[in-house]
Amino acid sequence: MSETVPKGLIEIVAGDKIDYLCDYYTYDGEYTDTYKLGEQYTVTGQWEIANAPVGDLGYQMTYRITDIYGNRYWTPSISD
C-alpha cells in the first residue's frame, strides 16, 4: 500500500465548507495580502465553479482548493 498523497482536483461533496480567498498583488506582481470574499459556503448538492465578468479590467485568476487535511490544490491560472 502506498502512502502517496494524490495530487490534482478532488471531488466536492455535500457538507464541504468553502471559503473564497483573494490574493492582492501590486502592479509589479508583488504579493501584498489575502482576504476572504463573501461568506463561507456549505455545499448542499450539485454546483459548478464559474467566472464572473470583470469588464475591461485586466486579471490573472486561479482557484486554490484546500481539503480538511490542509492539502492545497491549485487550478491552472488564466488571464485576460
Protein backbone atom coordinates (compact mmCIF):
# COMPACT_ATOMS: atom_id res chain seq x y z
CA MET A 1 0.00 0.00 0.00
CA SER A 2 1.36 3.42 -0.96
CA GLU A 3 1.48 6.43 1.37
CA THR A 4 1.43 8.78 -1.63
CA VAL A 5 -0.97 11.72 -1.34
CA PRO A 6 -2.92 12.20 -4.58
CA LYS A 7 -2.44 15.49 -6.43
CA GLY A 8 -4.92 17.40 -8.53
CA LEU A 9 -8.61 18.15 -8.31
CA ILE A 10 -10.77 16.44 -5.72
CA GLU A 11 -14.47 15.71 -5.55
CA ILE A 12 -16.50 18.29 -3.64
CA VAL A 13 -19.43 16.76 -1.78
CA ALA A 14 -22.43 17.95 0.27
CA GLY A 15 -21.32 19.24 3.67
CA ASP A 16 -17.92 20.53 2.48
CA LYS A 17 -17.20 24.13 3.51
CA ILE A 18 -15.75 26.58 1.00
CA ASP A 19 -14.07 29.92 1.68
CA TYR A 20 -13.43 32.15 -1.32
CA LEU A 21 -9.96 33.71 -1.00
CA CYS A 22 -8.48 36.56 -3.00
CA ASP A 23 -4.78 37.39 -3.17
CA TYR A 24 -3.87 41.01 -3.82
CA TYR A 25 -0.77 41.87 -5.86
CA THR A 26 0.78 45.21 -6.81
CA TYR A 27 1.09 46.19 -10.47
CA ASP A 28 4.68 44.92 -10.23
CA GLY A 29 3.39 41.44 -9.33
CA GLU A 30 4.38 41.62 -5.65
CA TYR A 31 2.06 39.78 -3.24
CA THR A 32 0.67 42.05 -0.52
CA ASP A 33 -2.35 40.41 1.14
CA THR A 34 -5.01 37.67 1.15
CA TYR A 35 -8.63 38.31 2.08
CA LYS A 36 -11.89 36.35 2.11
CA LEU A 37 -14.52 37.21 -0.48
CA GLY A 38 -18.05 37.00 0.89
CA GLU A 39 -19.33 34.40 3.32
CA GLN A 40 -18.29 30.78 3.79
CA TYR A 41 -20.35 28.42 1.61
CA THR A 42 -21.52 24.96 2.72
CA VAL A 43 -22.03 22.63 -0.24
CA THR A 44 -25.61 21.38 -0.41
CA GLY A 45 -25.66 19.45 -3.67
CA GLN A 46 -24.56 19.84 -7.29
CA TRP A 47 -22.89 23.10 -8.21
CA GLU A 48 -20.33 24.45 -10.61
CA ILE A 49 -17.49 26.95 -10.49
CA ALA A 50 -17.96 29.77 -12.98
CA ASN A 51 -16.27 33.05 -13.80
CA ALA A 52 -17.90 36.42 -13.22
CA PRO A 53 -17.38 39.23 -15.75
CA VAL A 54 -14.95 41.97 -14.67
CA GLY A 55 -15.43 44.29 -17.64
CA ASP A 56 -12.32 45.76 -19.23
CA LEU A 57 -10.14 45.17 -16.16
CA GLY A 58 -7.03 43.04 -16.53
CA TYR A 59 -6.73 39.98 -14.31
CA GLN A 60 -4.95 36.72 -13.65
CA MET A 61 -7.01 34.15 -11.79
CA THR A 62 -6.64 30.72 -10.25
CA TYR A 63 -8.51 28.75 -7.59
CA ARG A 64 -6.86 27.14 -4.58
CA ILE A 65 -8.81 24.28 -3.05
CA THR A 66 -7.77 23.23 0.47
CA ASP A 67 -9.12 19.98 1.88
CA ILE A 68 -9.83 19.15 5.53
CA TYR A 69 -6.27 17.82 5.94
CA GLY A 70 -4.71 21.09 4.82
CA ASN A 71 -3.65 19.78 1.40
CA ARG A 72 -3.77 22.56 -1.19
CA TYR A 73 -4.71 22.09 -4.83
CA TRP A 74 -4.36 24.86 -7.44
CA THR A 75 -6.27 25.07 -10.68
CA PRO A 76 -4.41 26.29 -13.79
CA SER A 77 -4.02 30.08 -13.99
CA ILE A 78 -5.94 32.05 -16.59
CA SER A 79 -5.66 35.70 -17.61
CA ASP A 80 -7.47 38.17 -19.77
